[in-house]
Amino acid sequence: MTEQITGRSLESIDHVALSVRDIAESIEWYTRLFRCRVVYQDETWALLAFDNVRLALMSTDAHPPHIGFLRADAESFGPLKPHRDGTRSTYITDPSGNAVELLAHRTCENK
């Protein structure tokens, strides 16, 4: 059965974050097999942009694998922490213990 949502826009997924052994190796693999571009890269973290979503690649000792949603009310879930890419977010867990990041909408200066 398909649920119909009317009168409201759907949530926006900002990114999916995967834990990887080697950032450079993973960037090479994703950019070779899929059409995407590297938005950011350092030794512990990278961000790849696809047409419809972004993919964060993180070293295994960084943040846990998670999914990030853009929410106008992100701050209502907890204090927002600023990140090196200019975003601000907080983390919660779903009923199964999966990490979910709630990001405040970007302002003009951190798009």
PDB file of N, CA and C in Angstrom:
ATOM      1  N   MET A   1       0.846  -1.181   0.000  1.00  0.00           N
ATOM      2  CA  MET A   1       0.000   0.000   0.000  1.00  0.00           C
ATOM      3  C   MET A   1       0.891   1.243   0.000  1.00  0.00           C
ATOM      4  N   THR A   2       0.616   2.187  -0.846  1.00  0.00           N
ATOM      5  CA  THR A   2       1.396   3.409  -0.961  1.00  0.00           C
ATOM      6  C   THR A   2       0.716   4.523  -0.191  1.00  0.00           C
ATOM      7  N   GLU A   3       1.485   5.181   0.685  1.00  0.00           N
ATOM      8  CA  GLU A   3       0.956   6.312   1.438  1.00  0.00           C
ATOM      9  C   GLU A   3       1.053   7.562   0.581  1.00  0.00           C
ATOM     10  N   GLN A   4      -0.007   8.323   0.533  1.00  0.00           N
ATOM     11  CA  GLN A   4      -0.002   9.559  -0.241  1.00  0.00           C
ATOM     12  C   GLN A   4       0.176  10.733   0.710  1.00  0.00           C
ATOM     13  N   ILE A   5       1.104  11.613   0.384  1.00  0.00           N
ATOM     14  CA  ILE A   5       1.341  12.805   1.182  1.00  0.00           C
ATOM     15  C   ILE A   5       0.895  13.996   0.349  1.00  0.00           C
ATOM     16  N   THR A   6      -0.031  14.757   0.896  1.00  0.00           N
ATOM     17  CA  THR A   6      -0.544  15.907   0.155  1.00  0.00           C
ATOM     18  C   THR A   6      -0.417  17.159   1.004  1.00  0.00           C
ATOM     19  N   GLY A   7      -0.211  18.293   0.354  1.00  0.00           N
ATOM     20  CA  GLY A   7      -0.190  19.559   1.036  1.00  0.00           C
ATOM     21  C   GLY A   7       1.108  19.869   1.763  1.00  0.00           C
ATOM     22  N   ARG A   8       2.074  18.972   1.745  1.00  0.00           N
ATOM     23  CA  ARG A   8       3.354  19.209   2.418  1.00  0.00           C
ATOM     24  C   ARG A   8       4.468  18.694   1.537  1.00  0.00           C
ATOM     25  N   SER A   9       5.603  19.376   1.590  1.00  0.00           N
ATOM     26  CA  SER A   9       6.749  18.874   0.836  1.00  0.00           C
ATOM     27  C   SER A   9       7.414  17.764   1.641  1.00  0.00           C
ATOM     28  N   LEU A  10       8.111  16.904   0.950  1.00  0.00           N
ATOM     29  CA  LEU A  10       8.800  15.796   1.601  1.00  0.00           C
ATOM     30  C   LEU A  10      10.117  16.264   2.200  1.00  0.00           C
ATOM     31  N   GLU A  11      10.652  15.497   3.151  1.00  0.00           N
ATOM     32  CA  GLU A  11      11.949  15.798   3.749  1.00  0.00           C
ATOM     33  C   GLU A  11      13.030  15.713   2.680  1.00  0.00           C
ATOM     34  N   SER A  12      14.154  16.383   2.919  1.00  0.00           N
ATOM     35  CA  SER A  12      15.285  16.348   2.001  1.00  0.00           C
ATOM     36  C   SER A  12      16.449  15.601   2.651  1.00  0.00           C
ATOM     37  N   ILE A  13      16.956  14.589   1.941  1.00  0.00           N
ATOM     38  CA  ILE A  13      18.169  13.922   2.386  1.00  0.00           C
ATOM     39  C   ILE A  13      19.332  14.769   1.897  1.00  0.00           C
ATOM     40  N   ASP A  14      20.185  15.180   2.821  1.00  0.00           N
ATOM     41  CA  ASP A  14      21.359  15.967   2.466  1.00  0.00           C
ATOM     42  C   ASP A  14      22.499  15.055   2.037  1.00  0.00           C
ATOM     43  N   HIS A  15      22.727  13.989   2.806  1.00  0.00           N
ATOM     44  CA  HIS A  15      23.827  13.084   2.486  1.00  0.00           C
ATOM     45  C   HIS A  15      23.650  11.749   3.191  1.00  0.00           C
ATOM     46  N   VAL A  16      24.377  10.778   2.690  1.00  0.00           N
ATOM     47  CA  VAL A  16      24.543   9.486   3.336  1.00  0.00           C
ATOM     48  C   VAL A  16      26.030   9.384   3.636  1.00  0.00           C
ATOM     49  N   ALA A  17      26.382   8.939   4.828  1.00  0.00           N
ATOM     50  CA  ALA A  17      27.787   8.867   5.234  1.00  0.00           C
ATOM     51  C   ALA A  17      28.200   7.417   5.450  1.00  0.00           C
ATOM     52  N   LEU A  18      29.278   7.043   4.772  1.00  0.00           N
ATOM     53  CA  LEU A  18      29.816   5.690   4.885  1.00  0.00           C
ATOM     54  C   LEU A  18      31.180   5.724   5.551  1.00  0.00           C
ATOM     55  N   SER A  19      31.459   4.699   6.324  1.00  0.00           N
ATOM     56  CA  SER A  19      32.774   4.531   6.922  1.00  0.00           C
ATOM     57  C   SER A  19      33.643   3.753   5.935  1.00  0.00           C
ATOM     58  N   VAL A  20      34.847   4.269   5.646  1.00  0.00           N
ATOM     59  CA  VAL A  20      35.738   3.627   4.676  1.00  0.00           C
ATOM     60  C   VAL A  20      37.137   3.469   5.270  1.00  0.00           C
ATOM     61  N   ARG A  21      37.881   2.477   4.778  1.00  0.00           N
ATOM     62  CA  ARG A  21      39.253   2.224   5.247  1.00  0.00           C
ATOM     63  C   ARG A  21      40.230   3.274   4.747  1.00  0.00           C
ATOM     64  N   ASP A  22      40.055   3.725   3.491  1.00  0.00           N
ATOM     65  CA  ASP A  22      41.013   4.622   2.864  1.00  0.00           C
ATOM     66  C   ASP A  22      40.246   5.665   2.051  1.00  0.00           C
ATOM     67  N   ILE A  23      40.338   6.923   2.457  1.00  0.00           N
ATOM     68  CA  ILE A  23      39.587   8.001   1.803  1.00  0.00           C
ATOM     69  C   ILE A  23      39.971   8.126   0.330  1.00  0.00           C
ATOM     70  N   ALA A  24      41.268   8.232   0.042  1.00  0.00           N
ATOM     71  CA  ALA A  24      41.721   8.423  -1.344  1.00  0.00           C
ATOM     72  C   ALA A  24      41.308   7.255  -2.237  1.00  0.00           C
ATOM     73  N   GLU A  25      41.467   6.044  -1.742  1.00  0.00           N
ATOM     74  CA  GLU A  25      41.083   4.856  -2.515  1.00  0.00           C
ATOM     75  C   GLU A  25      39.582   4.866  -2.806  1.00  0.00           C
ATOM     76  N   SER A  26      38.788   5.244  -1.812  1.00  0.00           N
ATOM     77  CA  SER A  26      37.330   5.272  -1.982  1.00  0.00           C
ATOM     78  C   SER A  26      36.905   6.363  -2.955  1.00  0.00           C
ATOM     79  N   ILE A  27      37.547   7.528  -2.882  1.00  0.00           N
ATOM     80  CA  ILE A  27      37.252   8.599  -3.838  1.00  0.00           C
ATOM     81  C   ILE A  27      37.552   8.122  -5.255  1.00  0.00           C
ATOM     82  N   GLU A  28      38.684   7.500  -5.440  1.00  0.00           N
ATOM     83  CA  GLU A  28      39.056   7.001  -6.771  1.00  0.00           C
ATOM     84  C   GLU A  28      38.011   6.011  -7.275  1.00  0.00           C
ATOM     85  N   TRP A  29      37.567   5.104  -6.428  1.00  0.00           N
ATOM     86  CA  TRP A  29      36.598   4.080  -6.821  1.00  0.00           C
ATOM     87  C   TRP A  29      35.263   4.713  -7.208  1.00  0.00           C
ATOM     88  N   TYR A  30      34.725   5.592  -6.346  1.00  0.00           N
ATOM     89  CA  TYR A  30      33.420   6.204  -6.627  1.00  0.00           C
ATOM     90  C   TYR A  30      33.464   7.103  -7.861  1.00  0.00           C
ATOM     91  N   THR A  31      34.526   7.894  -8.019  1.00  0.00           N
ATOM     92  CA  THR A  31      34.583   8.793  -9.169  1.00  0.00           C
ATOM     93  C   THR A  31      34.870   8.053 -10.471  1.00  0.00           C
ATOM     94  N   ARG A  32      35.501   6.895 -10.386  1.00  0.00           N
ATOM     95  CA  ARG A  32      35.754   6.095 -11.586  1.00  0.00           C
ATOM     96  C   ARG A  32      34.486   5.374 -12.037  1.00  0.00           C
ATOM     97  N   LEU A  33      33.692   4.875 -11.103  1.00  0.00           N
ATOM     98  CA  LEU A  33      32.510   4.089 -11.449  1.00  0.00           C
ATOM     99  C   LEU A  33      31.226   4.906 -11.607  1.00  0.00           C
ATOM    100  N   PHE A  34      31.178   6.065 -10.960  1.00  0.00           N
ATOM    101  CA  PHE A  34      29.953   6.862 -10.960  1.00  0.00           C
ATOM    102  C   PHE A  34      30.269   8.307 -11.314  1.00  0.00           C
ATOM    103  N   ARG A  35      29.313   8.961 -11.943  1.00  0.00           N
ATOM    104  CA  ARG A  35      29.488  10.370 -12.297  1.00  0.00           C
ATOM    105  C   ARG A  35      29.163  11.226 -11.079  1.00  0.00           C
ATOM    106  N   CYS A  36      30.199  11.734 -10.463  1.00  0.00           N
ATOM    107  CA  CYS A  36      30.070  12.589  -9.292  1.00  0.00           C
ATOM    108  C   CYS A  36      31.288  13.497  -9.244  1.00  0.00           C
ATOM    109  N   ARG A  37      31.243  14.485  -8.357  1.00  0.00           N
ATOM    110  CA  ARG A  37      32.409  15.350  -8.224  1.00  0.00           C
ATOM    111  C   ARG A  37      32.793  15.448  -6.751  1.00  0.00           C
ATOM    112  N   VAL A  38      34.069  15.682  -6.519  1.00  0.00           N
ATOM    113  CA  VAL A  38      34.581  15.814  -5.167  1.00  0.00           C
ATOM    114  C   VAL A  38      34.358  17.255  -4.712  1.00  0.00           C
ATOM    115  N   VAL A  39      33.598  17.432  -3.658  1.00  0.00           N
ATOM    116  CA  VAL A  39      33.313  18.754  -3.099  1.00  0.00           C
ATOM    117  C   VAL A  39      34.371  19.113  -2.061  1.00  0.00           C
ATOM    118  N   TYR A  40      34.786  18.120  -1.272  1.00  0.00           N
ATOM    119  CA  TYR A  40      35.763  18.338  -0.212  1.00  0.00           C
ATOM    120  C   TYR A  40      36.545  17.051  -0.006  1.00  0.00           C
ATOM    121  N   GLN A  41      37.816  17.199   0.376  1.00  0.00           N
ATOM    122  CA  GLN A  41      38.628  16.019   0.656  1.00  0.00           C
ATOM    123  C   GLN A  41      39.761  16.380   1.605  1.00  0.00           C
ATOM    124  N   ASP A  42      39.953  15.575   2.636  1.00  0.00           N
ATOM    125  CA  ASP A  42      41.157  15.619   3.447  1.00  0.00           C
ATOM    126  C   ASP A  42      41.498  14.181   3.829  1.00  0.00           C
ATOM    127  N   GLU A  43      42.375  13.967   4.790  1.00  0.00           N
ATOM    128  CA  GLU A  43      42.814  12.608   5.124  1.00  0.00           C
ATOM    129  C   GLU A  43      41.751  11.793   5.848  1.00  0.00           C
ATOM    130  N   THR A  44      40.773  12.454   6.466  1.00  0.00           N
ATOM    131  CA  THR A  44      39.794  11.738   7.292  1.00  0.00           C
ATOM    132  C   THR A  44      38.368  11.807   6.771  1.00  0.00           C
ATOM    133  N   TRP A  45      38.125  12.636   5.738  1.00  0.00           N
ATOM    134  CA  TRP A  45      36.749  12.875   5.330  1.00  0.00           C
ATOM    135  C   TRP A  45      36.705  13.403   3.908  1.00  0.00           C
ATOM    136  N   ALA A  46      35.689  12.992   3.154  1.00  0.00           N
ATOM    137  CA  ALA A  46      35.483  13.514   1.802  1.00  0.00           C
ATOM    138  C   ALA A  46      33.982  13.634   1.561  1.00  0.00           C
ATOM    139  N   LEU A  47      33.630  14.530   0.656  1.00  0.00           N
ATOM    140  CA  LEU A  47      32.234  14.712   0.294  1.00  0.00           C
ATOM    141  C   LEU A  47      32.120  14.682  -1.218  1.00  0.00           C
ATOM    142  N   LEU A  48      31.293  13.779  -1.720  1.00  0.00           N
ATOM    143  CA  LEU A  48      31.064  13.627  -3.154  1.00  0.00           C
ATOM    144  C   LEU A  48      29.648  14.084  -3.477  1.00  0.00           C
ATOM    145  N   ALA A  49      29.507  14.869  -4.543  1.00  0.00           N
ATOM    146  CA  ALA A  49      28.195  15.356  -4.960  1.00  0.00           C
ATOM    147  C   ALA A  49      27.708  14.553  -6.160  1.00  0.00           C
ATOM    148  N   PHE A  50      26.501  14.049  -6.045  1.00  0.00           N
ATOM    149  CA  PHE A  50      25.792  13.393  -7.134  1.00  0.00           C
ATOM    150  C   PHE A  50      24.650  14.320  -7.535  1.00  0.00           C
ATOM    151  N   ASP A  51      23.905  13.976  -8.543  1.00  0.00           N
ATOM    152  CA  ASP A  51      22.810  14.814  -9.007  1.00  0.00           C
ATOM    153  C   ASP A  51      21.746  15.011  -7.934  1.00  0.00           C
ATOM    154  N   ASN A  52      21.472  13.983  -7.136  1.00  0.00           N
ATOM    155  CA  ASN A  52      20.340  14.044  -6.224  1.00  0.00           C
ATOM    156  C   ASN A  52      20.688  13.933  -4.743  1.00  0.00           C
ATOM    157  N   VAL A  53      21.944  13.663  -4.412  1.00  0.00           N
ATOM    158  CA  VAL A  53      22.323  13.493  -3.005  1.00  0.00           C
ATOM    159  C   VAL A  53      23.839  13.596  -2.898  1.00  0.00           C
ATOM    160  N   ARG A  54      24.325  13.816  -1.697  1.00  0.00           N
ATOM    161  CA  ARG A  54      25.771  13.839  -1.483  1.00  0.00           C
ATOM    162  C   ARG A  54      26.171  12.602  -0.686  1.00  0.00           C
ATOM    163  N   LEU A  55      27.388  12.142  -0.902  1.00  0.00           N
ATOM    164  CA  LEU A  55      27.918  10.967  -0.216  1.00  0.00           C
ATOM    165  C   LEU A  55      29.138  11.395   0.571  1.00  0.00           C
ATOM    166  N   ALA A  56      29.094  11.208   1.882  1.00  0.00           N
ATOM    167  CA  ALA A  56      30.237  11.505   2.741  1.00  0.00           C
ATOM    168  C   ALA A  56      31.004  10.208   2.973  1.00  0.00           C
ATOM    169  N   LEU A  57      32.305  10.277   2.805  1.00  0.00           N
ATOM    170  CA  LEU A  57      33.192   9.153   3.070  1.00  0.00           C
ATOM    171  C   LEU A  57      34.030   9.531   4.281  1.00  0.00           C
ATOM    172  N   MET A  58      33.987   8.714   5.332  1.00  0.00           N
ATOM    173  CA  MET A  58      34.668   9.056   6.577  1.00  0.00           C
ATOM    174  C   MET A  58      35.582   7.929   7.003  1.00  0.00           C
ATOM    175  N   SER A  59      36.727   8.284   7.578  1.00  0.00           N
ATOM    176  CA  SER A  59      37.605   7.256   8.113  1.00  0.00           C
ATOM    177  C   SER A  59      36.877   6.524   9.238  1.00  0.00           C
ATOM    178  N   THR A  60      37.276   5.296   9.481  1.00  0.00           N
ATOM    179  CA  THR A  60      36.554   4.447  10.432  1.00  0.00           C
ATOM    180  C   THR A  60      36.551   4.982  11.855  1.00  0.00           C
ATOM    181  N   ASP A  61      37.482   5.873  12.208  1.00  0.00           N
ATOM    182  CA  ASP A  61      37.512   6.426  13.560  1.00  0.00           C
ATOM    183  C   ASP A  61      36.808   7.779  13.665  1.00  0.00           C
ATOM    184  N   ALA A  62      36.145   8.218  12.598  1.00  0.00           N
ATOM    185  CA  ALA A  62      35.403   9.488  12.607  1.00  0.00           C
ATOM    186  C   ALA A  62      33.967   9.220  13.059  1.00  0.00           C
ATOM    187  N   HIS A  63      33.042  10.021  12.588  1.00  0.00           N
ATOM    188  CA  HIS A  63      31.625   9.846  12.919  1.00  0.00           C
ATOM    189  C   HIS A  63      31.141   8.464  12.502  1.00  0.00           C
ATOM    190  N   PRO A  64      30.078   7.982  13.124  1.00  0.00           N
ATOM    191  CA  PRO A  64      29.525   6.698  12.694  1.00  0.00           C
ATOM    192  C   PRO A  64      28.834   6.843  11.341  1.00  0.00           C
ATOM    193  N   PRO A  65      28.690   5.752  10.603  1.00  0.00           N
ATOM    194  CA  PRO A  65      27.879   5.822   9.369  1.00  0.00           C
ATOM    195  C   PRO A  65      26.496   6.369   9.739  1.00  0.00           C
ATOM    196  N   HIS A  66      25.946   7.209   8.870  1.00  0.00           N
ATOM    197  CA  HIS A  66      24.663   7.831   9.182  1.00  0.00           C
ATOM    198  C   HIS A  66      24.002   8.366   7.920  1.00  0.00           C
ATOM    199  N   ILE A  67      22.777   8.844   8.099  1.00  0.00           N
ATOM    200  CA  ILE A  67      22.065   9.548   7.044  1.00  0.00           C
ATOM    201  C   ILE A  67      21.765  10.948   7.579  1.00  0.00           C
ATOM    202  N   GLY A  68      21.933  11.955   6.715  1.00  0.00           N
ATOM    203  CA  GLY A  68      21.716  13.340   7.140  1.00  0.00           C
ATOM    204  C   GLY A  68      20.514  13.950   6.452  1.00  0.00           C
ATOM    205  N   PHE A  69      19.623  14.513   7.248  1.00  0.00           N
ATOM    206  CA  PHE A  69      18.425  15.172   6.738  1.00  0.00           C
ATOM    207  C   PHE A  69      18.509  16.671   6.986  1.00  0.00           C
ATOM    208  N   LEU A  70      18.057  17.469   6.033  1.00  0.00           N
ATOM    209  CA  LEU A  70      17.915  18.913   6.227  1.00  0.00           C
ATOM    210  C   LEU A  70      16.589  19.172   6.933  1.00  0.00           C
ATOM    211  N   ARG A  71      16.649  19.927   8.027  1.00  0.00           N
ATOM    212  CA  ARG A  71      15.436  20.243   8.786  1.00  0.00           C
ATOM    213  C   ARG A  71      15.468  21.689   9.233  1.00  0.00           C
ATOM    214  N   ALA A  72      14.406  22.412   8.972  1.00  0.00           N
ATOM    215  CA  ALA A  72      14.306  23.790   9.434  1.00  0.00           C
ATOM    216  C   ALA A  72      14.300  23.845  10.955  1.00  0.00           C
ATOM    217  N   ASP A  73      13.807  22.786  11.594  1.00  0.00           N
ATOM    218  CA  ASP A  73      13.719  22.742  13.051  1.00  0.00           C
ATOM    219  C   ASP A  73      14.793  21.855  13.675  1.00  0.00           C
ATOM    220  N   ALA A  74      15.950  21.726  13.015  1.00  0.00           N
ATOM    221  CA  ALA A  74      17.013  20.828  13.508  1.00  0.00           C
ATOM    222  C   ALA A  74      17.376  21.123  14.956  1.00  0.00           C
ATOM    223  N   GLU A  75      17.395  22.388  15.331  1.00  0.00           N
ATOM    224  CA  GLU A  75      17.789  22.764  16.689  1.00  0.00           C
ATOM    225  C   GLU A  75      16.831  22.231  17.755  1.00  0.00           C
ATOM    226  N   SER A  76      15.600  21.910  17.362  1.00  0.00           N
ATOM    227  CA  SER A  76      14.644  21.380  18.330  1.00  0.00           C
ATOM    228  C   SER A  76      15.003  19.961  18.782  1.00  0.00           C
ATOM    229  N   PHE A  77      15.940  19.320  18.072  1.00  0.00           N
ATOM    230  CA  PHE A  77      16.386  17.974  18.431  1.00  0.00           C
ATOM    231  C   PHE A  77      17.614  17.989  19.337  1.00  0.00           C
ATOM    232  N   GLY A  78      18.208  19.168  19.540  1.00  0.00           N
ATOM    233  CA  GLY A  78      19.386  19.294  20.390  1.00  0.00           C
ATOM    234  C   GLY A  78      20.271  20.418  19.906  1.00  0.00           C
ATOM    235  N   PRO A  79      21.281  20.774  20.699  1.00  0.00           N
ATOM    236  CA  PRO A  79      22.185  21.856  20.305  1.00  0.00           C
ATOM    237  C   PRO A  79      22.886  21.529  18.991  1.00  0.00           C
ATOM    238  N   LEU A  80      23.009  22.521  18.124  1.00  0.00           N
ATOM    239  CA  LEU A  80      23.655  22.318  16.833  1.00  0.00           C
ATOM    240  C   LEU A  80      25.153  22.575  16.963  1.00  0.00           C
ATOM    241  N   LYS A  81      25.932  21.626  16.476  1.00  0.00           N
ATOM    242  CA  LYS A  81      27.389  21.743  16.506  1.00  0.00           C
ATOM    243  C   LYS A  81      27.866  22.208  15.130  1.00  0.00           C
ATOM    244  N   PRO A  82      28.743  23.236  15.089  1.00  0.00           N
ATOM    245  CA  PRO A  82      29.279  23.675  13.783  1.00  0.00           C
ATOM    246  C   PRO A  82      30.313  22.677  13.259  1.00  0.00           C
ATOM    247  N   HIS A  83      30.334  22.490  11.952  1.00  0.00           N
ATOM    248  CA  HIS A  83      31.274  21.571  11.303  1.00  0.00           C
ATOM    249  C   HIS A  83      32.225  22.355  10.403  1.00  0.00           C
ATOM    250  N   ARG A  84      33.322  21.727  10.005  1.00  0.00           N
ATOM    251  CA  ARG A  84      34.353  22.390   9.198  1.00  0.00           C
ATOM    252  C   ARG A  84      33.854  22.836   7.836  1.00  0.00           C
ATOM    253  N   ASP A  85      32.753  22.248   7.336  1.00  0.00           N
ATOM    254  CA  ASP A  85      32.225  22.666   6.030  1.00  0.00           C
ATOM    255  C   ASP A  85      31.197  23.784   6.157  1.00  0.00           C
ATOM    256  N   GLY A  86      31.011  24.332   7.355  1.00  0.00           N
ATOM    257  CA  GLY A  86      30.090  25.441   7.557  1.00  0.00           C
ATOM    258  C   GLY A  86      28.684  25.022   7.944  1.00  0.00           C
ATOM    259  N   THR A  87      28.391  23.737   7.949  1.00  0.00           N
ATOM    260  CA  THR A  87      27.062  23.289   8.352  1.00  0.00           C
ATOM    261  C   THR A  87      26.987  23.208   9.872  1.00  0.00           C
ATOM    262  N   ARG A  88      25.767  23.109  10.371  1.00  0.00           N
ATOM    263  CA  ARG A  88      25.532  22.923  11.808  1.00  0.00           C
ATOM    264  C   ARG A  88      24.510  21.807  11.951  1.00  0.00           C
ATOM    265  N   SER A  89      24.752  20.897  12.908  1.00  0.00           N
ATOM    266  CA  SER A  89      23.841  19.762  13.036  1.00  0.00           C
ATOM    267  C   SER A  89      23.874  19.168  14.434  1.00  0.00           C
ATOM    268  N   THR A  90      22.952  18.245  14.641  1.00  0.00           N
ATOM    269  CA  THR A  90      22.908  17.429  15.839  1.00  0.00           C
ATOM    270  C   THR A  90      22.599  16.001  15.418  1.00  0.00           C
ATOM    271  N   TYR A  91      22.961  15.048  16.260  1.00  0.00           N
ATOM    272  CA  TYR A  91      22.734  13.634  15.960  1.00  0.00           C
ATOM    273  C   TYR A  91      21.714  13.049  16.920  1.00  0.00           C
ATOM    274  N   ILE A  92      20.884  12.161  16.385  1.00  0.00           N
ATOM    275  CA  ILE A  92      19.960  11.364  17.175  1.00  0.00           C
ATOM    276  C   ILE A  92      20.096   9.925  16.675  1.00  0.00           C
ATOM    277  N   THR A  93      19.418   8.996  17.306  1.00  0.00           N
ATOM    278  CA  THR A  93      19.416   7.615  16.814  1.00  0.00           C
ATOM    279  C   THR A  93      17.984   7.177  16.566  1.00  0.00           C
ATOM    280  N   ASP A  94      17.825   6.309  15.562  1.00  0.00           N
ATOM    281  CA  ASP A  94      16.496   5.762  15.280  1.00  0.00           C
ATOM    282  C   ASP A  94      16.239   4.603  16.246  1.00  0.00           C
ATOM    283  N   PRO A  95      15.047   3.997  16.212  1.00  0.00           N
ATOM    284  CA  PRO A  95      14.729   2.919  17.152  1.00  0.00           C
ATOM    285  C   PRO A  95      15.676   1.714  17.075  1.00  0.00           C
ATOM    286  N   SER A  96      16.364   1.538  15.951  1.00  0.00           N
ATOM    287  CA  SER A  96      17.301   0.417  15.806  1.00  0.00           C
ATOM    288  C   SER A  96      18.736   0.804  16.148  1.00  0.00           C
ATOM    289  N   GLY A  97      18.956   2.040  16.574  1.00  0.00           N
ATOM    290  CA  GLY A  97      20.287   2.482  16.961  1.00  0.00           C
ATOM    291  C   GLY A  97      21.112   3.093  15.843  1.00  0.00           C
ATOM    292  N   ASN A  98      20.513   3.294  14.659  1.00  0.00           N
ATOM    293  CA  ASN A  98      21.229   3.926  13.549  1.00  0.00           C
ATOM    294  C   ASN A  98      21.366   5.423  13.793  1.00  0.00           C
ATOM    295  N   ALA A  99      22.524   5.973  13.451  1.00  0.00           N
ATOM    296  CA  ALA A  99      22.756   7.408  13.621  1.00  0.00           C
ATOM    297  C   ALA A  99      22.032   8.192  12.532  1.00  0.00           C
ATOM    298  N   VAL A 100      21.375   9.268  12.952  1.00  0.00           N
ATOM    299  CA  VAL A 100      20.662  10.168  12.053  1.00  0.00           C
ATOM    300  C   VAL A 100      21.139  11.575  12.371  1.00  0.00           C
ATOM    301  N   GLU A 101      21.633  12.277  11.360  1.00  0.00           N
ATOM    302  CA  GLU A 101      22.094  13.649  11.541  1.00  0.00           C
ATOM    303  C   GLU A 101      21.013  14.594  11.047  1.00  0.00           C
ATOM    304  N   LEU A 102      20.707  15.604  11.836  1.00  0.00           N
ATOM    305  CA  LEU A 102      19.724  16.620  11.458  1.00  0.00           C
ATOM    306  C   LEU A 102      20.475  17.925  11.269  1.00  0.00           C
ATOM    307  N   LEU A 103      20.489  18.403  10.024  1.00  0.00           N
ATOM    308  CA  LEU A 103      21.243  19.602   9.656  1.00  0.00           C
ATOM    309  C   LEU A 103      20.325  20.793   9.503  1.00  0.00           C
ATOM    310  N   ALA A 104      20.788  21.934  10.014  1.00  0.00           N
ATOM    311  CA  ALA A 104      20.068  23.181   9.787  1.00  0.00           C
ATOM    312  C   ALA A 104      20.218  23.544   8.318  1.00  0.00           C
ATOM    313  N   HIS A 105      19.215  24.197   7.778  1.00  0.00           N
ATOM    314  CA  HIS A 105      19.310  24.658   6.389  1.00  0.00           C
ATOM    315  C   HIS A 105      20.509  25.579   6.259  1.00  0.00           C
ATOM    316  N   ARG A 106      21.191  25.493   5.140  1.00  0.00           N
ATOM    317  CA  ARG A 106      22.383  26.315   4.898  1.00  0.00           C
ATOM    318  C   ARG A 106      21.977  27.758   4.637  1.00  0.00           C
ATOM    319  N   THR A 107      22.826  28.651   5.090  1.00  0.00           N
ATOM    320  CA  THR A 107      22.642  30.065   4.786  1.00  0.00           C
ATOM    321  C   THR A 107      23.452  30.380   3.543  1.00  0.00           C
ATOM    322  N   CYS A 108      23.319  31.559   3.007  1.00  0.00           N
ATOM    323  CA  CYS A 108      24.051  31.956   1.806  1.00  0.00           C
ATOM    324  C   CYS A 108      25.554  31.793   1.985  1.00  0.00           C
ATOM    325  N   GLU A 109      26.069  32.101   3.177  1.00  0.00           N
ATOM    326  CA  GLU A 109      27.518  32.041   3.352  1.00  0.00           C
ATOM    327  C   GLU A 109      28.076  30.640   3.497  1.00  0.00           C
ATOM    328  N   ASN A 110      27.244  29.617   3.748  1.00  0.00           N
ATOM    329  CA  ASN A 110      27.800  28.265   3.857  1.00  0.00           C
ATOM    330  C   ASN A 110      27.161  27.271   2.904  1.00  0.00           C
ATOM    331  N   LYS A 111      26.770  27.733   1.752  1.00  0.00           N
ATOM    332  CA  LYS A 111      26.216  26.827   0.729  1.00  0.00           C
ATOM    333  C   LYS A 111      27.304  26.099   0.007  1.00  0.00           C
TER     334      LYS A 111
END
